[in-house]
Amino acid sequence: MEKSHTDQALSKLHELGAHELQHLNGDLAQHLKGTYVLLREWGNSEPVCLAGLFHAVYGTAGFPAALLSLDKRSDIAAAIGDEAEELVYLYGACDRDYTYSKLISHEEPIYRNRFTQETFSLPSVLLASFCELTLANELEIVLQSYKAREDCRAFFVPLFASFKGLVSPPAFEAYLTAFRIDASPPQPPYLSLRGSVRSISMPLVQGISYVKKILWAKSDA
């Protein structure tokens, strides 16, 4: 029976030795597969999901260990397709400090390639895929580690908040849930309101009773 595209990609990943490289919450293969699963759950296309499965093969700004050199890009393209490989390269080549700062500041989203130092604007579709992959990569880590989530909260929250409207609704909802951010509008403070009414009404009742006693005393006299 012929292997599916995903099975072929997994075989290639194993051939590259992803399972032998240590990552934060296990080996690199586990992290890559977890990223792929999140992208699938959010309803992304096969090229985006396969890019998630291979997103660190050239190394990244946060994880420099590479499984393959850049002169072997055609090997990865043969395994996952040209569209997916291009996204893998874009993700791995990202100068995160520069590019993320542009996203957080809501300036024009200028991307910088850490290998070539080239800067350019990303087309909207490619920017959306890049942000979706970025979110999946980081959430795969923080969903398994409370410490990682809290250590990186101050940086990740403004970054991921800037992804609103760029990433898919399921992806953005996953971010809100992972960081326990309530996106719903504040509800009226019913409990405190009842407490306020109670605190006002009790002295009022007592005052009315006191007045009644005085009136009854006068009528008796």
Protein backbone atom coordinates (compact mmCIF):
# COMPACT_ATOMS: atom_id res chain seq x y z
CA MET A 1 0.00 0.00 0.00
CA GLU A 2 1.34 3.42 -1.00
CA LYS A 3 2.31 5.75 1.85
CA SER A 4 0.36 8.97 2.36
CA HIS A 5 2.10 12.32 2.01
CA THR A 6 2.15 12.67 5.79
CA ASP A 7 3.61 9.17 6.28
CA GLN A 8 6.35 9.98 3.78
CA ALA A 9 7.08 13.21 5.63
CA LEU A 10 7.28 11.38 8.96
CA SER A 11 9.67 8.83 7.47
CA LYS A 12 11.87 11.66 6.22
CA LEU A 13 11.80 13.31 9.63
CA HIS A 14 12.95 10.07 11.26
CA GLU A 15 15.66 9.67 8.63
CA LEU A 16 16.96 13.14 9.54
CA GLY A 17 17.25 12.10 13.18
CA ALA A 18 14.68 14.45 14.74
CA HIS A 19 13.97 11.86 17.45
CA GLU A 20 17.62 11.96 18.53
CA LEU A 21 17.71 15.70 19.22
CA GLN A 22 16.63 16.90 22.64
CA HIS A 23 13.99 19.63 22.89
CA LEU A 24 12.36 21.41 25.82
CA ASN A 25 9.65 18.85 26.69
CA GLY A 26 11.15 15.75 25.06
CA ASP A 27 12.82 15.12 21.74
CA LEU A 28 12.50 17.36 18.68
CA ALA A 29 10.34 14.86 16.80
CA GLN A 30 7.69 15.02 19.56
CA HIS A 31 7.64 18.81 19.38
CA LEU A 32 7.38 18.85 15.58
CA LYS A 33 4.53 16.32 15.60
CA GLY A 34 2.72 18.27 18.31
CA THR A 35 2.98 21.44 16.23
CA TYR A 36 1.59 19.57 13.24
CA VAL A 37 -1.35 18.29 15.31
CA LEU A 38 -2.28 21.80 16.49
CA LEU A 39 -2.22 23.13 12.94
CA ARG A 40 -4.44 20.28 11.80
CA GLU A 41 -6.87 20.86 14.67
CA TRP A 42 -7.16 24.52 13.68
CA GLY A 43 -8.15 23.53 10.14
CA ASN A 44 -5.03 24.59 8.23
CA SER A 45 -4.14 23.41 4.73
CA GLU A 46 -1.82 20.44 4.22
CA PRO A 47 1.17 22.62 3.18
CA VAL A 48 0.90 24.69 6.38
CA CYS A 49 0.54 21.54 8.52
CA LEU A 50 3.53 19.87 6.85
CA ALA A 51 5.53 23.06 7.35
CA GLY A 52 4.70 22.74 11.04
CA LEU A 53 6.01 19.19 11.00
CA PHE A 54 9.34 20.36 9.51
CA HIS A 55 9.54 23.90 10.87
CA ALA A 56 12.88 23.43 12.68
CA VAL A 57 14.82 21.32 10.16
CA TYR A 58 17.02 24.32 9.23
CA GLY A 59 17.17 25.47 12.83
CA THR A 60 15.46 28.61 14.10
CA ALA A 61 16.49 31.77 15.92
CA GLY A 62 15.33 30.11 19.13
CA PHE A 63 16.59 26.60 18.37
CA PRO A 64 19.75 26.84 16.24
CA ALA A 65 20.46 23.10 15.89
CA ALA A 66 19.71 22.18 12.26
CA LEU A 67 18.86 18.73 10.92
CA LEU A 68 19.88 19.69 7.39
CA SER A 69 21.95 22.38 5.74
CA LEU A 70 20.34 24.98 3.50
CA ASP A 71 21.97 23.55 0.38
CA LYS A 72 19.66 20.54 0.81
CA ARG A 73 16.42 22.48 0.56
CA SER A 74 15.43 20.51 -2.53
CA ASP A 75 15.41 17.32 -0.42
CA ILE A 76 12.83 18.82 1.92
CA ALA A 77 10.78 20.15 -0.98
CA ALA A 78 10.69 16.64 -2.43
CA ALA A 79 9.39 15.29 0.88
CA ILE A 80 6.72 17.88 1.72
CA GLY A 81 6.21 19.96 -1.43
CA ASP A 82 7.50 23.35 -2.57
CA GLU A 83 4.86 25.44 -0.80
CA ALA A 84 5.45 23.79 2.56
CA GLU A 85 9.24 23.96 2.19
CA GLU A 86 9.13 27.66 1.41
CA LEU A 87 7.22 28.26 4.64
CA VAL A 88 9.70 26.09 6.56
CA TYR A 89 12.56 28.19 5.22
CA LEU A 90 10.72 31.45 5.95
CA TYR A 91 10.08 30.35 9.53
CA GLY A 92 13.60 29.05 10.16
CA ALA A 93 15.26 32.08 8.58
CA CYS A 94 13.25 34.62 10.61
CA ASP A 95 15.18 37.14 12.68
CA ARG A 96 12.69 36.98 15.52
CA ASP A 97 13.89 39.96 17.53
CA TYR A 98 13.50 42.25 14.53
CA THR A 99 10.37 40.75 12.96
CA TYR A 100 8.42 40.20 16.18
CA SER A 101 9.11 43.78 17.31
CA LYS A 102 7.47 45.03 14.10
CA LEU A 103 4.41 42.88 14.71
CA ILE A 104 4.07 43.93 18.36
CA SER A 105 4.38 47.63 17.54
CA HIS A 106 1.68 47.30 14.84
CA GLU A 107 4.00 48.86 12.31
CA GLU A 108 4.17 47.52 8.77
CA PRO A 109 5.09 43.84 9.29
CA ILE A 110 8.63 43.88 7.93
CA TYR A 111 10.40 40.52 7.97
CA ARG A 112 14.18 40.12 8.27
CA ASN A 113 16.06 37.01 7.13
CA ARG A 114 18.67 36.11 9.76
CA PHE A 115 20.78 34.26 7.17
CA THR A 116 20.97 36.99 4.51
CA GLN A 117 19.93 40.11 6.56
CA GLU A 118 17.45 40.90 3.78
CA THR A 119 14.29 42.76 4.88
CA PHE A 120 10.96 42.83 3.08
CA SER A 121 7.19 42.94 3.61
CA LEU A 122 5.36 39.63 3.68
CA PRO A 123 2.28 39.20 1.46
CA SER A 124 -0.87 38.91 3.58
CA VAL A 125 -1.43 35.20 2.92
CA LEU A 126 2.18 34.33 3.71
CA LEU A 127 2.12 36.55 6.82
CA ALA A 128 -0.99 34.73 8.05
CA SER A 129 0.66 31.32 7.56
CA PHE A 130 3.83 32.52 9.28
CA CYS A 131 1.88 33.78 12.31
CA GLU A 132 -0.22 30.60 12.46
CA LEU A 133 2.93 28.47 12.47
CA THR A 134 4.58 30.72 15.05
CA LEU A 135 1.59 30.40 17.37
CA ALA A 136 1.41 26.61 16.96
CA ASN A 137 5.12 26.22 17.67
CA GLU A 138 5.02 28.23 20.89
CA LEU A 139 1.69 26.88 22.16
CA GLU A 140 2.90 23.31 21.71
CA ILE A 141 5.56 24.14 24.29
CA VAL A 142 3.58 26.23 26.79
CA LEU A 143 0.61 23.84 26.83
CA GLN A 144 2.92 21.25 28.35
CA SER A 145 4.83 23.53 30.70
CA TYR A 146 3.34 25.96 33.21
CA LYS A 147 6.83 27.34 33.86
CA ALA A 148 7.48 28.02 30.17
CA ARG A 149 4.14 29.78 29.87
CA GLU A 150 4.67 32.04 32.87
CA ASP A 151 8.35 32.72 32.13
CA CYS A 152 7.42 33.92 28.63
CA ARG A 153 4.03 35.49 29.36
CA ALA A 154 5.25 39.10 29.32
CA PHE A 155 6.65 38.63 25.81
CA PHE A 156 4.15 36.21 24.29
CA VAL A 157 0.93 37.99 25.29
CA PRO A 158 1.61 41.22 23.33
CA LEU A 159 3.05 39.22 20.43
CA PHE A 160 0.11 36.85 20.14
CA ALA A 161 -2.38 39.65 20.72
CA SER A 162 -0.95 41.29 17.59
CA PHE A 163 -1.89 38.14 15.65
CA LYS A 164 -5.62 38.86 16.00
CA GLY A 165 -7.11 39.01 12.52
CA LEU A 166 -4.02 37.33 11.04
CA VAL A 167 -4.35 33.82 12.46
CA SER A 168 -7.43 31.61 12.23
CA PRO A 169 -10.17 32.01 14.89
CA PRO A 170 -9.43 28.54 16.39
CA ALA A 171 -5.74 29.44 16.68
CA PHE A 172 -6.46 32.75 18.41
CA GLU A 173 -8.96 31.08 20.74
CA ALA A 174 -6.30 28.50 21.61
CA TYR A 175 -3.95 31.33 22.59
CA LEU A 176 -6.60 32.96 24.80
CA THR A 177 -7.32 29.65 26.49
CA ALA A 178 -3.66 28.71 26.97
CA PHE A 179 -2.85 32.03 28.63
CA ARG A 180 -6.21 32.16 30.44
CA ILE A 181 -7.20 35.46 28.91
CA ASP A 182 -10.91 36.28 28.99
CA ALA A 183 -11.89 37.89 25.70
CA SER A 184 -15.55 38.35 26.68
CA PRO A 185 -16.81 41.80 27.74
CA PRO A 186 -17.03 42.41 31.50
CA GLN A 187 -20.32 41.40 33.09
CA PRO A 188 -22.36 43.69 35.37
CA PRO A 189 -21.24 43.26 38.98
CA TYR A 190 -24.50 41.69 40.17
CA LEU A 191 -23.10 40.38 43.45
CA SER A 192 -21.57 43.65 44.48
CA LEU A 193 -24.72 45.46 43.40
CA ARG A 194 -26.88 43.20 45.58
CA GLY A 195 -24.46 43.77 48.42
CA SER A 196 -24.75 47.53 47.92
CA VAL A 197 -28.56 47.39 47.89
CA ARG A 198 -28.54 45.27 51.04
CA SER A 199 -26.18 47.67 52.80
CA ILE A 200 -28.41 50.62 51.88
CA SER A 201 -31.78 48.98 52.55
CA MET A 202 -31.03 47.70 56.08
CA PRO A 203 -30.44 51.17 57.64
CA LEU A 204 -33.47 52.43 55.72
CA VAL A 205 -35.72 49.72 57.20
CA GLN A 206 -34.34 50.41 60.65
CA GLY A 207 -35.02 54.14 60.21
CA ILE A 208 -38.62 53.56 59.11
CA SER A 209 -39.22 51.32 62.13
CA TYR A 210 -37.83 54.00 64.43
CA VAL A 211 -40.13 56.67 62.94
CA LYS A 212 -43.13 54.35 63.31
CA LYS A 213 -42.33 53.82 66.99
CA ILE A 214 -42.22 57.57 67.59
CA LEU A 215 -45.54 58.10 65.80
CA TRP A 216 -47.20 55.28 67.76
CA ALA A 217 -45.88 56.71 71.03
CA LYS A 218 -47.35 60.14 70.20
CA SER A 219 -50.72 58.67 69.28
CA ASP A 220 -50.84 56.77 72.58
CA ALA A 221 -50.11 59.97 74.46
